[in-house]
Amino acid sequence: MPQHTQPRPICGHCDGFPTVTITTGTRTPDGQRQTITAHCPACHGTGHTRTVSKAVAA
Protein backbone atom coordinates (compact mmCIF):
# COMPACT_ATOMS: atom_id res chain seq x y z
CA MET A 1 0.00 0.00 0.00
CA PRO A 2 1.51 3.39 -0.94
CA GLN A 3 2.46 5.93 1.69
CA HIS A 4 0.84 9.32 1.11
CA THR A 5 2.66 12.47 2.10
CA GLN A 6 1.12 15.86 2.69
CA PRO A 7 1.97 18.50 0.06
CA ARG A 8 4.55 20.98 1.28
CA PRO A 9 3.79 24.70 1.02
CA ILE A 10 5.34 26.59 -1.88
CA CYS A 11 8.04 29.12 -1.02
CA GLY A 12 6.59 32.64 -0.81
CA HIS A 13 9.85 34.27 -1.91
CA CYS A 14 10.23 32.51 -5.26
CA ASP A 15 6.64 31.22 -5.81
CA GLY A 16 7.92 27.74 -6.62
CA PHE A 17 10.56 28.84 -9.17
CA PRO A 18 13.66 28.28 -7.02
CA THR A 19 16.37 28.30 -9.68
CA VAL A 20 16.78 30.81 -12.48
CA THR A 21 19.36 31.34 -15.19
CA ILE A 22 20.47 34.92 -15.77
CA THR A 23 22.39 36.19 -18.78
CA THR A 24 25.44 38.30 -17.97
CA GLY A 25 25.29 40.29 -21.22
CA THR A 26 28.54 38.87 -22.58
CA ARG A 27 29.08 36.15 -25.14
CA THR A 28 31.37 33.15 -25.17
CA PRO A 29 33.97 32.79 -27.96
CA ASP A 30 31.59 30.53 -29.93
CA GLY A 31 28.78 33.15 -29.81
CA GLN A 32 26.55 31.77 -27.07
CA ARG A 33 25.37 33.97 -24.21
CA GLN A 34 27.20 33.51 -20.94
CA THR A 35 24.82 32.70 -18.06
CA ILE A 36 24.90 32.22 -14.31
CA THR A 37 22.52 30.20 -12.14
CA ALA A 38 20.89 31.74 -9.06
CA HIS A 39 19.04 29.85 -6.32
CA CYS A 40 16.39 31.24 -3.97
CA PRO A 41 18.10 32.12 -0.68
CA ALA A 42 14.95 31.42 1.37
CA CYS A 43 14.32 27.81 0.26
CA HIS A 44 17.86 27.01 -0.98
CA GLY A 45 16.63 25.94 -4.40
CA THR A 46 13.94 23.48 -3.32
CA GLY A 47 10.86 25.59 -4.10
CA HIS A 48 9.16 24.61 -0.84
CA THR A 49 9.19 25.97 2.68
CA ARG A 50 9.72 23.85 5.71
CA THR A 51 6.78 23.21 7.94
CA VAL A 52 7.15 24.45 11.50
CA SER A 53 6.70 21.72 14.05
CA LYS A 54 4.22 22.30 16.86
CA ALA A 55 6.97 22.06 19.49
CA VAL A 56 8.96 24.89 17.87
CA ALA A 57 5.90 27.08 17.30
CA ALA A 58 4.74 26.81 20.93
PDB file of N, CA and C in Angstrom:
ATOM      1  N   MET A   1       0.845  -1.166   0.000  1.00  0.00           N
ATOM      2  CA  MET A   1       0.000   0.000   0.000  1.00  0.00           C
ATOM      3  C   MET A   1       0.906   1.249   0.000  1.00  0.00           C
ATOM      4  N   PRO A   2       0.634   2.216  -0.862  1.00  0.00           N
ATOM      5  CA  PRO A   2       1.509   3.388  -0.941  1.00  0.00           C
ATOM      6  C   PRO A   2       1.356   4.304   0.268  1.00  0.00           C
ATOM      7  N   GLN A   3       2.455   4.936   0.616  1.00  0.00           N
ATOM      8  CA  GLN A   3       2.456   5.926   1.687  1.00  0.00           C
ATOM      9  C   GLN A   3       2.159   7.283   1.080  1.00  0.00           C
ATOM     10  N   HIS A   4       1.183   7.999   1.620  1.00  0.00           N
ATOM     11  CA  HIS A   4       0.838   9.317   1.105  1.00  0.00           C
ATOM     12  C   HIS A   4       1.471  10.388   1.978  1.00  0.00           C
ATOM     13  N   THR A   5       2.064  11.363   1.354  1.00  0.00           N
ATOM     14  CA  THR A   5       2.665  12.471   2.095  1.00  0.00           C
ATOM     15  C   THR A   5       1.846  13.728   1.846  1.00  0.00           C
ATOM     16  N   GLN A   6       1.829  14.602   2.818  1.00  0.00           N
ATOM     17  CA  GLN A   6       1.117  15.857   2.693  1.00  0.00           C
ATOM     18  C   GLN A   6       1.913  16.789   1.768  1.00  0.00           C
ATOM     19  N   PRO A   7       1.247  17.560   0.915  1.00  0.00           N
ATOM     20  CA  PRO A   7       1.969  18.499   0.058  1.00  0.00           C
ATOM     21  C   PRO A   7       2.612  19.593   0.898  1.00  0.00           C
ATOM     22  N   ARG A   8       3.841  19.939   0.552  1.00  0.00           N
ATOM     23  CA  ARG A   8       4.555  20.984   1.284  1.00  0.00           C
ATOM     24  C   ARG A   8       4.200  22.335   0.699  1.00  0.00           C
ATOM     25  N   PRO A   9       4.137  23.376   1.525  1.00  0.00           N
ATOM     26  CA  PRO A   9       3.787  24.705   1.024  1.00  0.00           C
ATOM     27  C   PRO A   9       4.868  25.269   0.098  1.00  0.00           C
ATOM     28  N   ILE A  10       4.421  25.991  -0.913  1.00  0.00           N
ATOM     29  CA  ILE A  10       5.342  26.592  -1.877  1.00  0.00           C
ATOM     30  C   ILE A  10       6.003  27.808  -1.249  1.00  0.00           C
ATOM     31  N   CYS A  11       7.261  28.003  -1.551  1.00  0.00           N
ATOM     32  CA  CYS A  11       8.037  29.122  -1.024  1.00  0.00           C
ATOM     33  C   CYS A  11       7.408  30.448  -1.456  1.00  0.00           C
ATOM     34  N   GLY A  12       7.195  31.340  -0.519  1.00  0.00           N
ATOM     35  CA  GLY A  12       6.591  32.638  -0.809  1.00  0.00           C
ATOM     36  C   GLY A  12       7.552  33.622  -1.439  1.00  0.00           C
ATOM     37  N   HIS A  13       8.858  33.355  -1.343  1.00  0.00           N
ATOM     38  CA  HIS A  13       9.847  34.267  -1.906  1.00  0.00           C
ATOM     39  C   HIS A  13      10.022  34.060  -3.402  1.00  0.00           C
ATOM     40  N   CYS A  14       9.985  32.797  -3.836  1.00  0.00           N
ATOM     41  CA  CYS A  14      10.226  32.509  -5.259  1.00  0.00           C
ATOM     42  C   CYS A  14       8.989  31.960  -5.964  1.00  0.00           C
ATOM     43  N   ASP A  15       7.889  31.747  -5.250  1.00  0.00           N
ATOM     44  CA  ASP A  15       6.642  31.222  -5.807  1.00  0.00           C
ATOM     45  C   ASP A  15       6.816  29.896  -6.531  1.00  0.00           C
ATOM     46  N   GLY A  16       7.723  29.064  -6.050  1.00  0.00           N
ATOM     47  CA  GLY A  16       7.919  27.743  -6.621  1.00  0.00           C
ATOM     48  C   GLY A  16       8.879  27.696  -7.795  1.00  0.00           C
ATOM     49  N   PHE A  17       9.537  28.811  -8.115  1.00  0.00           N
ATOM     50  CA  PHE A  17      10.558  28.841  -9.171  1.00  0.00           C
ATOM     51  C   PHE A  17      11.903  29.107  -8.498  1.00  0.00           C
ATOM     52  N   PRO A  18      12.506  28.077  -7.883  1.00  0.00           N
ATOM     53  CA  PRO A  18      13.657  28.284  -7.018  1.00  0.00           C
ATOM     54  C   PRO A  18      14.983  28.543  -7.720  1.00  0.00           C
ATOM     55  N   THR A  19      15.113  28.134  -8.963  1.00  0.00           N
ATOM     56  CA  THR A  19      16.368  28.298  -9.678  1.00  0.00           C
ATOM     57  C   THR A  19      16.118  29.026 -10.986  1.00  0.00           C
ATOM     58  N   VAL A  20      16.905  30.059 -11.231  1.00  0.00           N
ATOM     59  CA  VAL A  20      16.779  30.815 -12.478  1.00  0.00           C
ATOM     60  C   VAL A  20      18.147  30.935 -13.136  1.00  0.00           C
ATOM     61  N   THR A  21      18.143  31.108 -14.440  1.00  0.00           N
ATOM     62  CA  THR A  21      19.362  31.336 -15.194  1.00  0.00           C
ATOM     63  C   THR A  21      19.335  32.765 -15.706  1.00  0.00           C
ATOM     64  N   ILE A  22      20.400  33.504 -15.433  1.00  0.00           N
ATOM     65  CA  ILE A  22      20.468  34.919 -15.768  1.00  0.00           C
ATOM     66  C   ILE A  22      21.601  35.125 -16.776  1.00  0.00           C
ATOM     67  N   THR A  23      21.325  35.878 -17.836  1.00  0.00           N
ATOM     68  CA  THR A  23      22.389  36.190 -18.783  1.00  0.00           C
ATOM     69  C   THR A  23      23.221  37.338 -18.235  1.00  0.00           C
ATOM     70  N   THR A  24      24.537  37.269 -18.471  1.00  0.00           N
ATOM     71  CA  THR A  24      25.445  38.302 -17.974  1.00  0.00           C
ATOM     72  C   THR A  24      25.616  39.435 -18.976  1.00  0.00           C
ATOM     73  N   GLY A  25      25.145  39.258 -20.198  1.00  0.00           N
ATOM     74  CA  GLY A  25      25.289  40.286 -21.220  1.00  0.00           C
ATOM     75  C   GLY A  25      26.496  40.077 -22.116  1.00  0.00           C
ATOM     76  N   THR A  26      27.367  39.153 -21.746  1.00  0.00           N
ATOM     77  CA  THR A  26      28.544  38.872 -22.578  1.00  0.00           C
ATOM     78  C   THR A  26      28.311  37.593 -23.362  1.00  0.00           C
ATOM     79  N   ARG A  27      29.170  37.366 -24.327  1.00  0.00           N
ATOM     80  CA  ARG A  27      29.076  36.155 -25.145  1.00  0.00           C
ATOM     81  C   ARG A  27      30.354  35.354 -25.030  1.00  0.00           C
ATOM     82  N   THR A  28      30.221  34.038 -25.178  1.00  0.00           N
ATOM     83  CA  THR A  28      31.373  33.147 -25.167  1.00  0.00           C
ATOM     84  C   THR A  28      32.056  33.245 -26.535  1.00  0.00           C
ATOM     85  N   PRO A  29      33.280  32.720 -26.664  1.00  0.00           N
ATOM     86  CA  PRO A  29      33.969  32.786 -27.961  1.00  0.00           C
ATOM     87  C   PRO A  29      33.212  32.133 -29.121  1.00  0.00           C
ATOM     88  N   ASP A  30      32.346  31.165 -28.840  1.00  0.00           N
ATOM     89  CA  ASP A  30      31.586  30.531 -29.926  1.00  0.00           C
ATOM     90  C   ASP A  30      30.243  31.219 -30.187  1.00  0.00           C
ATOM     91  N   GLY A  31      29.960  32.360 -29.522  1.00  0.00           N
ATOM     92  CA  GLY A  31      28.778  33.150 -29.813  1.00  0.00           C
ATOM     93  C   GLY A  31      27.587  32.942 -28.903  1.00  0.00           C
ATOM     94  N   GLN A  32      27.667  31.998 -27.975  1.00  0.00           N
ATOM     95  CA  GLN A  32      26.549  31.773 -27.069  1.00  0.00           C
ATOM     96  C   GLN A  32      26.584  32.788 -25.926  1.00  0.00           C
ATOM     97  N   ARG A  33      25.421  33.044 -25.345  1.00  0.00           N
ATOM     98  CA  ARG A  33      25.368  33.969 -24.213  1.00  0.00           C
ATOM     99  C   ARG A  33      25.907  33.288 -22.960  1.00  0.00           C
ATOM    100  N   GLN A  34      26.681  34.037 -22.185  1.00  0.00           N
ATOM    101  CA  GLN A  34      27.199  33.515 -20.936  1.00  0.00           C
ATOM    102  C   GLN A  34      26.133  33.699 -19.855  1.00  0.00           C
ATOM    103  N   THR A  35      25.876  32.658 -19.069  1.00  0.00           N
ATOM    104  CA  THR A  35      24.823  32.700 -18.060  1.00  0.00           C
ATOM    105  C   THR A  35      25.370  32.293 -16.704  1.00  0.00           C
ATOM    106  N   ILE A  36      24.630  32.689 -15.655  1.00  0.00           N
ATOM    107  CA  ILE A  36      24.897  32.224 -14.308  1.00  0.00           C
ATOM    108  C   ILE A  36      23.589  31.680 -13.741  1.00  0.00           C
ATOM    109  N   THR A  37      23.694  30.784 -12.765  1.00  0.00           N
ATOM    110  CA  THR A  37      22.518  30.196 -12.135  1.00  0.00           C
ATOM    111  C   THR A  37      22.373  30.773 -10.736  1.00  0.00           C
ATOM    112  N   ALA A  38      21.163  31.191 -10.381  1.00  0.00           N
ATOM    113  CA  ALA A  38      20.886  31.737  -9.055  1.00  0.00           C
ATOM    114  C   ALA A  38      19.798  30.904  -8.383  1.00  0.00           C
ATOM    115  N   HIS A  39      20.003  30.613  -7.106  1.00  0.00           N
ATOM    116  CA  HIS A  39      19.036  29.851  -6.321  1.00  0.00           C
ATOM    117  C   HIS A  39      18.368  30.769  -5.306  1.00  0.00           C
ATOM    118  N   CYS A  40      17.133  30.472  -4.970  1.00  0.00           N
ATOM    119  CA  CYS A  40      16.390  31.240  -3.974  1.00  0.00           C
ATOM    120  C   CYS A  40      17.088  31.098  -2.619  1.00  0.00           C
ATOM    121  N   PRO A  41      17.415  32.216  -1.969  1.00  0.00           N
ATOM    122  CA  PRO A  41      18.098  32.118  -0.676  1.00  0.00           C
ATOM    123  C   PRO A  41      17.179  31.651   0.456  1.00  0.00           C
ATOM    124  N   ALA A  42      15.879  31.804   0.300  1.00  0.00           N
ATOM    125  CA  ALA A  42      14.955  31.417   1.368  1.00  0.00           C
ATOM    126  C   ALA A  42      14.751  29.907   1.435  1.00  0.00           C
ATOM    127  N   CYS A  43      14.594  29.256   0.270  1.00  0.00           N
ATOM    128  CA  CYS A  43      14.322  27.812   0.262  1.00  0.00           C
ATOM    129  C   CYS A  43      15.530  26.998  -0.208  1.00  0.00           C
ATOM    130  N   HIS A  44      16.619  27.662  -0.534  1.00  0.00           N
ATOM    131  CA  HIS A  44      17.856  27.009  -0.976  1.00  0.00           C
ATOM    132  C   HIS A  44      17.653  26.152  -2.218  1.00  0.00           C
ATOM    133  N   GLY A  45      16.811  26.614  -3.127  1.00  0.00           N
ATOM    134  CA  GLY A  45      16.632  25.939  -4.402  1.00  0.00           C
ATOM    135  C   GLY A  45      15.677  24.770  -4.397  1.00  0.00           C
ATOM    136  N   THR A  46      14.878  24.600  -3.345  1.00  0.00           N
ATOM    137  CA  THR A  46      13.940  23.478  -3.320  1.00  0.00           C
ATOM    138  C   THR A  46      12.555  23.869  -3.825  1.00  0.00           C
ATOM    139  N   GLY A  47      12.182  25.137  -3.667  1.00  0.00           N
ATOM    140  CA  GLY A  47      10.863  25.592  -4.099  1.00  0.00           C
ATOM    141  C   GLY A  47       9.784  25.438  -3.051  1.00  0.00           C
ATOM    142  N   HIS A  48      10.126  24.847  -1.915  1.00  0.00           N
ATOM    143  CA  HIS A  48       9.161  24.615  -0.842  1.00  0.00           C
ATOM    144  C   HIS A  48       9.698  25.165   0.467  1.00  0.00           C
ATOM    145  N   THR A  49       8.791  25.526   1.351  1.00  0.00           N
ATOM    146  CA  THR A  49       9.191  25.965   2.685  1.00  0.00           C
ATOM    147  C   THR A  49       9.084  24.797   3.641  1.00  0.00           C
ATOM    148  N   ARG A  50       9.797  24.886   4.697  1.00  0.00           N
ATOM    149  CA  ARG A  50       9.721  23.849   5.712  1.00  0.00           C
ATOM    150  C   ARG A  50       8.515  24.112   6.597  1.00  0.00           C
ATOM    151  N   THR A  51       7.901  23.047   7.031  1.00  0.00           N
ATOM    152  CA  THR A  51       6.782  23.213   7.945  1.00  0.00           C
ATOM    153  C   THR A  51       7.330  23.366   9.356  1.00  0.00           C
ATOM    154  N   VAL A  52       6.720  24.225  10.129  1.00  0.00           N
ATOM    155  CA  VAL A  52       7.148  24.448  11.495  1.00  0.00           C
ATOM    156  C   VAL A  52       6.478  23.420  12.385  1.00  0.00           C
ATOM    157  N   SER A  53       7.289  22.721  13.171  1.00  0.00           N
ATOM    158  CA  SER A  53       6.702  21.717  14.052  1.00  0.00           C
ATOM    159  C   SER A  53       5.967  22.405  15.196  1.00  0.00           C
ATOM    160  N   LYS A  54       5.035  21.718  15.790  1.00  0.00           N
ATOM    161  CA  LYS A  54       4.224  22.297  16.863  1.00  0.00           C
ATOM    162  C   LYS A  54       5.066  22.615  18.090  1.00  0.00           C
ATOM    163  N   ALA A  55       6.118  21.825  18.327  1.00  0.00           N
ATOM    164  CA  ALA A  55       6.970  22.062  19.487  1.00  0.00           C
ATOM    165  C   ALA A  55       7.760  23.370  19.335  1.00  0.00           C
ATOM    166  N   VAL A  56       8.204  23.667  18.117  1.00  0.00           N
ATOM    167  CA  VAL A  56       8.960  24.892  17.874  1.00  0.00           C
ATOM    168  C   VAL A  56       8.047  26.090  17.900  1.00  0.00           C
ATOM    169  N   ALA A  57       6.834  25.966  17.371  1.00  0.00           N
ATOM    170  CA  ALA A  57       5.899  27.079  17.302  1.00  0.00           C
ATOM    171  C   ALA A  57       5.359  27.465  18.679  1.00  0.00           C
ATOM    172  N   ALA A  58       5.313  26.534  19.598  1.00  0.00           N
ATOM    173  CA  ALA A  58       4.736  26.813  20.925  1.00  0.00           C
ATOM    174  C   ALA A  58       5.670  27.493  21.853  1.00  0.00           C
TER     175      ALA A  58
END
